Amino acid sequence: MNYLINRLKEPSTWRSLILLLTAFGLSISPEAMEHIVTVGVGLSGLVGIVTTDSIK
């Protein structure tokens, strides 16, 4: 359980989850593909901006 909690603290995990959900959205609603991609990429970029990269 600690492994999962530690992974959820990492920005790369959040970006990956957003991009994965974006990919699922493409198969659910092809007619809204452009909007889904725009929102997914935007959220991924936002995660990169508001989270810090930790140096270990």
C-alpha atoms as a PDB file:
ATOM      1  CA  MET A   1       0.000   0.000   0.000  1.00  0.00           C
ATOM      2  CA  ASN A   2       2.892   2.382   0.763  1.00  0.00           C
ATOM      3  CA  TYR A   3       4.240   1.748  -2.726  1.00  0.00           C
ATOM      4  CA  LEU A   4       0.993   2.985  -4.286  1.00  0.00           C
ATOM      5  CA  ILE A   5       0.833   6.024  -2.002  1.00  0.00           C
ATOM      6  CA  ASN A   6       4.429   6.914  -2.821  1.00  0.00           C
ATOM      7  CA  ARG A   7       3.744   6.616  -6.568  1.00  0.00           C
ATOM      8  CA  LEU A   8       0.691   8.884  -6.272  1.00  0.00           C
ATOM      9  CA  LYS A   9       2.939  11.583  -4.816  1.00  0.00           C
ATOM     10  CA  GLU A  10       5.005  11.699  -8.017  1.00  0.00           C
ATOM     11  CA  PRO A  11       4.107  14.191 -10.776  1.00  0.00           C
ATOM     12  CA  SER A  12       4.932  11.650 -13.470  1.00  0.00           C
ATOM     13  CA  THR A  13       2.246   9.328 -12.107  1.00  0.00           C
ATOM     14  CA  TRP A  14      -0.385  12.073 -12.343  1.00  0.00           C
ATOM     15  CA  ARG A  15       0.671  12.989 -15.872  1.00  0.00           C
ATOM     16  CA  SER A  16       0.564   9.340 -16.895  1.00  0.00           C
ATOM     17  CA  LEU A  17      -2.897   8.847 -15.384  1.00  0.00           C
ATOM     18  CA  ILE A  18      -4.211  11.938 -17.187  1.00  0.00           C
ATOM     19  CA  LEU A  19      -2.752  10.787 -20.503  1.00  0.00           C
ATOM     20  CA  LEU A  20      -4.133   7.270 -19.988  1.00  0.00           C
ATOM     21  CA  LEU A  21      -7.613   8.642 -19.259  1.00  0.00           C
ATOM     22  CA  THR A  22      -7.291  10.877 -22.320  1.00  0.00           C
ATOM     23  CA  ALA A  23      -6.539   7.817 -24.446  1.00  0.00           C
ATOM     24  CA  PHE A  24      -9.619   6.038 -23.052  1.00  0.00           C
ATOM     25  CA  GLY A  25     -11.708   9.105 -23.831  1.00  0.00           C
ATOM     26  CA  LEU A  26     -10.659   8.916 -27.462  1.00  0.00           C
ATOM     27  CA  SER A  27     -12.177   5.463 -27.816  1.00  0.00           C
ATOM     28  CA  ILE A  28     -15.353   6.461 -25.983  1.00  0.00           C
ATOM     29  CA  SER A  29     -16.179   9.595 -27.985  1.00  0.00           C
ATOM     30  CA  PRO A  30     -14.431   9.887 -31.358  1.00  0.00           C
ATOM     31  CA  GLU A  31     -16.463  12.957 -32.342  1.00  0.00           C
ATOM     32  CA  ALA A  32     -15.052  14.870 -29.357  1.00  0.00           C
ATOM     33  CA  MET A  33     -11.470  13.698 -29.930  1.00  0.00           C
ATOM     34  CA  GLU A  34      -9.969  17.166 -30.410  1.00  0.00           C
ATOM     35  CA  HIS A  35     -11.489  18.464 -27.177  1.00  0.00           C
ATOM     36  CA  ILE A  36     -10.489  15.367 -25.215  1.00  0.00           C
ATOM     37  CA  VAL A  37      -6.878  15.621 -26.404  1.00  0.00           C
ATOM     38  CA  THR A  38      -6.733  19.353 -25.699  1.00  0.00           C
ATOM     39  CA  VAL A  39      -8.024  18.956 -22.148  1.00  0.00           C
ATOM     40  CA  GLY A  40      -5.814  15.924 -21.447  1.00  0.00           C
ATOM     41  CA  VAL A  41      -2.627  17.569 -22.682  1.00  0.00           C
ATOM     42  CA  GLY A  42      -3.527  20.789 -20.869  1.00  0.00           C
ATOM     43  CA  LEU A  43      -4.072  18.971 -17.571  1.00  0.00           C
ATOM     44  CA  SER A  44      -0.830  17.072 -18.038  1.00  0.00           C
ATOM     45  CA  GLY A  45       1.023  20.347 -18.575  1.00  0.00           C
ATOM     46  CA  LEU A  46      -0.672  21.878 -15.543  1.00  0.00           C
ATOM     47  CA  VAL A  47       0.517  19.000 -13.365  1.00  0.00           C
ATOM     48  CA  GLY A  48       4.032  19.670 -14.610  1.00  0.00           C
ATOM     49  CA  ILE A  49       3.757  23.330 -13.728  1.00  0.00           C
ATOM     50  CA  VAL A  50       2.250  23.077 -10.239  1.00  0.00           C
ATOM     51  CA  THR A  51       4.271  20.133  -8.931  1.00  0.00           C
ATOM     52  CA  THR A  52       7.923  20.127  -8.033  1.00  0.00           C
ATOM     53  CA  ASP A  53      10.528  17.674  -9.209  1.00  0.00           C
ATOM     54  CA  SER A  54      12.147  16.090  -6.217  1.00  0.00           C
ATOM     55  CA  ILE A  55      15.837  15.306  -6.295  1.00  0.00           C
ATOM     56  CA  LYS A  56      16.681  12.133  -4.397  1.00  0.00           C
END
